Amino acid sequence: MSEDKMETRTKRRGEPVRQRVLDTAERLLRDGKAEFSMRELASEAGVSFATPFNQFGSKPAIIHALSGRRIDSMMTRFDATPQPPLAADRVALAIDIAVGVMLDEPIVNRAVMAWIGTGSAASGEVRSNSTALWAHALGDGTGLPSLRRDEACHILPGQLALAFRGALSFWTAGELADEELGPAARQIADTLLRAYSFD
């Protein structure tokens, strides 16, 4: 068997195990067990103690993968929704969808946010994944002044990622109620978009 085919087969074989580990981690968070150990995770997932380490490396890496699931869900929902033509309206839509994803399972999502908000050696892709979501929502910047459109499309996605993360941090800490999360995130996005509204 060629090396490429063997690697593909190994990835396919490992993927259900990865998903089982992530599903179990979500269930433990849902049950209020944010401090679960890797041994507990393995036992609950019905895998060997080494499997979560082999698949992810560490608990923080598992939490980063759960964060990636959330952003993937936001992107999927956004793509499944009819898109308004103007960039500002698409960003507002993305905010509504992102907030909806977070509020679908607030216990799990607050736990994920709390974990990724702490320092760890695990390297995550939360910022780049979030920036990609906002770049996708902004699209080609239709509706923004033409002289600053390229600049806006280059800079705004990262700013929107930081802004939404900030709103989520306050929500995670209990300083923003569920019903305040969407309006707060929209207000920040509107402020950022206004900076590019004039030539």
Protein backbone atom coordinates (compact mmCIF):
# COMPACT_ATOMS: atom_id res chain seq x y z
CA MET A 1 0.00 0.00 0.00
CA SER A 2 1.38 3.45 -0.88
CA GLU A 3 2.34 5.85 1.90
CA ASP A 4 -0.36 8.35 0.81
CA LYS A 5 -3.10 5.69 0.88
CA MET A 6 -1.94 4.47 4.28
CA GLU A 7 -1.96 8.02 5.68
CA THR A 8 -5.47 8.66 4.28
CA ARG A 9 -6.72 5.39 5.74
CA THR A 10 -5.20 6.21 9.14
CA LYS A 11 -6.83 9.65 9.12
CA ARG A 12 -10.23 8.15 8.28
CA ARG A 13 -9.84 5.51 10.96
CA GLY A 14 -8.81 8.14 13.55
CA GLU A 15 -11.51 10.66 12.70
CA PRO A 16 -14.44 8.90 14.44
CA VAL A 17 -12.27 8.50 17.55
CA ARG A 18 -11.41 12.23 17.50
CA GLN A 19 -15.09 13.08 17.16
CA ARG A 20 -16.00 10.70 19.99
CA VAL A 21 -13.43 12.36 22.26
CA LEU A 22 -14.74 15.83 21.36
CA ASP A 23 -18.37 14.75 21.78
CA THR A 24 -17.55 13.35 25.20
CA ALA A 25 -15.68 16.51 26.22
CA GLU A 26 -18.75 18.54 25.23
CA ARG A 27 -21.00 16.24 27.26
CA LEU A 28 -18.76 16.60 30.31
CA LEU A 29 -18.85 20.39 29.95
CA ARG A 30 -22.63 20.26 29.50
CA ASP A 31 -22.83 18.32 32.77
CA GLY A 32 -20.88 21.06 34.54
CA LYS A 33 -17.62 19.11 34.70
CA ALA A 34 -15.26 21.71 33.22
CA GLU A 35 -12.44 20.39 35.37
CA PHE A 36 -12.63 16.88 33.91
CA SER A 37 -9.37 14.97 33.81
CA MET A 38 -8.00 13.29 30.71
CA ARG A 39 -8.46 9.95 32.49
CA GLU A 40 -12.14 10.74 33.08
CA LEU A 41 -12.52 11.88 29.47
CA ALA A 42 -10.98 8.66 28.15
CA SER A 43 -13.16 6.53 30.41
CA GLU A 44 -16.34 8.36 29.45
CA ALA A 45 -15.44 8.15 25.75
CA GLY A 46 -14.72 4.42 26.01
CA VAL A 47 -11.17 4.78 24.73
CA SER A 48 -7.76 4.04 26.22
CA PHE A 49 -6.19 6.59 28.54
CA ALA A 50 -3.60 7.41 25.87
CA THR A 51 -6.13 8.08 23.09
CA PRO A 52 -7.03 11.72 23.94
CA PHE A 53 -3.32 12.50 24.24
CA ASN A 54 -2.54 10.72 20.97
CA GLN A 55 -5.36 12.49 19.16
CA PHE A 56 -4.94 16.00 20.61
CA GLY A 57 -1.90 16.19 22.85
CA SER A 58 -3.50 17.96 25.81
CA LYS A 59 -6.75 19.10 27.36
CA PRO A 60 -6.24 22.71 26.21
CA ALA A 61 -5.85 21.41 22.65
CA ILE A 62 -9.19 19.59 23.01
CA ILE A 63 -10.82 22.82 24.18
CA HIS A 64 -9.30 24.67 21.21
CA ALA A 65 -10.81 21.99 18.94
CA LEU A 66 -14.19 22.57 20.59
CA SER A 67 -13.83 26.27 19.88
CA GLY A 68 -13.10 25.38 16.26
CA ARG A 69 -16.35 23.41 16.19
CA ARG A 70 -18.24 26.52 17.25
CA ILE A 71 -16.69 28.66 14.54
CA ASP A 72 -17.34 25.93 11.96
CA SER A 73 -20.97 25.88 13.04
CA MET A 74 -21.18 29.67 12.69
CA MET A 75 -19.71 29.47 9.19
CA THR A 76 -22.06 26.65 8.16
CA ARG A 77 -25.14 28.50 9.41
CA PHE A 78 -24.00 31.71 7.75
CA ASP A 79 -23.52 29.94 4.41
CA ALA A 80 -26.97 28.32 4.71
CA THR A 81 -28.67 31.71 5.20
CA PRO A 82 -29.62 34.03 2.31
CA GLN A 83 -26.94 36.70 2.10
CA PRO A 84 -27.81 40.40 2.07
CA PRO A 85 -25.82 42.33 -0.56
CA LEU A 86 -24.18 44.93 1.69
CA ALA A 87 -21.12 44.10 3.78
CA ALA A 88 -22.48 45.84 6.90
CA ASP A 89 -25.67 43.77 6.71
CA ARG A 90 -23.68 40.56 6.22
CA VAL A 91 -21.58 41.36 9.28
CA ALA A 92 -24.77 42.00 11.29
CA LEU A 93 -26.13 38.66 10.08
CA ALA A 94 -22.89 36.91 11.07
CA ILE A 95 -23.12 38.46 14.54
CA ASP A 96 -26.70 37.24 14.97
CA ILE A 97 -25.67 33.74 13.86
CA ALA A 98 -22.54 33.68 16.04
CA VAL A 99 -24.51 34.83 19.07
CA GLY A 100 -27.15 32.19 18.32
CA VAL A 101 -24.50 29.46 18.25
CA MET A 102 -23.09 30.62 21.58
CA LEU A 103 -26.53 30.84 23.20
CA ASP A 104 -27.56 27.38 21.93
CA GLU A 105 -25.44 25.85 24.70
CA PRO A 106 -24.34 28.59 27.06
CA ILE A 107 -22.95 26.25 29.72
CA VAL A 108 -20.68 24.47 27.24
CA ASN A 109 -19.70 27.65 25.44
CA ARG A 110 -18.90 29.62 28.57
CA ALA A 111 -16.68 26.74 29.70
CA VAL A 112 -14.91 26.68 26.31
CA MET A 113 -14.42 30.46 26.39
CA ALA A 114 -13.12 30.34 29.95
CA TRP A 115 -10.57 27.65 29.02
CA ILE A 116 -9.27 29.37 25.89
CA GLY A 117 -9.03 32.60 27.87
CA THR A 118 -6.35 31.15 30.09
CA GLY A 119 -2.73 30.81 29.08
CA SER A 120 -1.51 27.40 27.99
CA ALA A 121 1.24 25.86 25.94
CA ALA A 122 -1.35 24.56 23.45
CA SER A 123 -1.26 26.49 20.25
CA GLY A 124 -4.73 27.22 19.03
CA GLU A 125 -6.18 28.76 15.93
CA VAL A 126 -9.05 30.59 17.59
CA ARG A 127 -7.98 34.02 16.40
CA SER A 128 -7.25 32.96 12.82
CA ASN A 129 -10.46 30.91 12.62
CA SER A 130 -12.52 33.79 13.97
CA THR A 131 -10.81 36.26 11.61
CA ALA A 132 -11.67 33.95 8.70
CA LEU A 133 -15.34 33.95 9.76
CA TRP A 134 -15.50 37.74 9.78
CA ALA A 135 -13.60 38.01 6.49
CA HIS A 136 -16.13 35.63 4.97
CA ALA A 137 -18.99 37.72 6.33
CA LEU A 138 -17.47 40.99 5.11
CA GLY A 139 -17.03 39.52 1.64
CA ASP A 140 -15.79 41.97 -0.97
CA GLY A 141 -16.88 44.97 1.12
CA THR A 142 -19.87 45.87 -1.06
CA GLY A 143 -21.41 49.08 0.24
CA LEU A 144 -18.22 50.41 1.81
CA PRO A 145 -16.64 53.47 0.13
CA SER A 146 -14.48 52.35 -2.77
CA LEU A 147 -11.37 54.31 -1.71
CA ARG A 148 -11.11 52.45 1.61
CA ARG A 149 -12.71 49.14 0.66
CA ASP A 150 -9.45 47.20 0.22
CA GLU A 151 -8.12 48.54 3.50
CA ALA A 152 -11.38 47.66 5.27
CA CYS A 153 -11.42 44.11 3.86
CA HIS A 154 -7.83 43.66 5.00
CA ILE A 155 -8.10 45.14 8.51
CA LEU A 156 -11.72 44.78 9.63
CA PRO A 157 -11.90 40.95 9.91
CA GLY A 158 -9.17 40.93 12.57
CA GLN A 159 -10.75 43.86 14.39
CA LEU A 160 -14.16 42.18 14.32
CA ALA A 161 -12.61 38.96 15.67
CA LEU A 162 -11.03 40.86 18.56
CA ALA A 163 -14.23 42.80 19.23
CA PHE A 164 -16.47 39.73 19.25
CA ARG A 165 -14.01 37.89 21.48
CA GLY A 166 -14.13 40.84 23.87
CA ALA A 167 -17.92 40.72 24.03
CA LEU A 168 -17.76 36.95 24.59
CA SER A 169 -15.25 37.43 27.41
CA PHE A 170 -17.62 39.75 29.28
CA TRP A 171 -20.49 37.33 28.60
CA THR A 172 -18.40 34.42 29.89
CA ALA A 173 -17.59 36.39 33.05
CA GLY A 174 -21.31 37.05 33.62
CA GLU A 175 -20.97 40.79 33.00
CA LEU A 176 -23.13 40.64 29.88
CA ALA A 177 -26.48 38.86 30.10
CA ASP A 178 -27.51 36.51 27.28
CA GLU A 179 -29.89 39.11 25.87
CA GLU A 180 -27.14 41.78 25.93
CA LEU A 181 -24.55 39.80 23.98
CA GLY A 182 -26.01 40.40 20.51
CA PRO A 183 -26.67 44.14 20.92
CA ALA A 184 -23.21 44.69 22.46
CA ALA A 185 -21.49 42.82 19.62
CA ARG A 186 -23.51 44.71 17.00
CA GLN A 187 -22.69 48.06 18.59
CA ILE A 188 -18.95 47.32 18.47
CA ALA A 189 -19.19 46.14 14.85
CA ASP A 190 -21.16 49.25 13.86
CA THR A 191 -18.46 51.44 15.42
CA LEU A 192 -15.72 49.61 13.52
CA LEU A 193 -17.62 49.73 10.24
CA ARG A 194 -18.32 53.47 10.64
CA ALA A 195 -14.57 54.10 10.66
CA TYR A 196 -14.54 52.91 7.02
CA SER A 197 -17.78 54.55 5.95
CA PHE A 198 -16.24 57.75 4.64
CA ASP A 199 -13.80 58.33 1.78
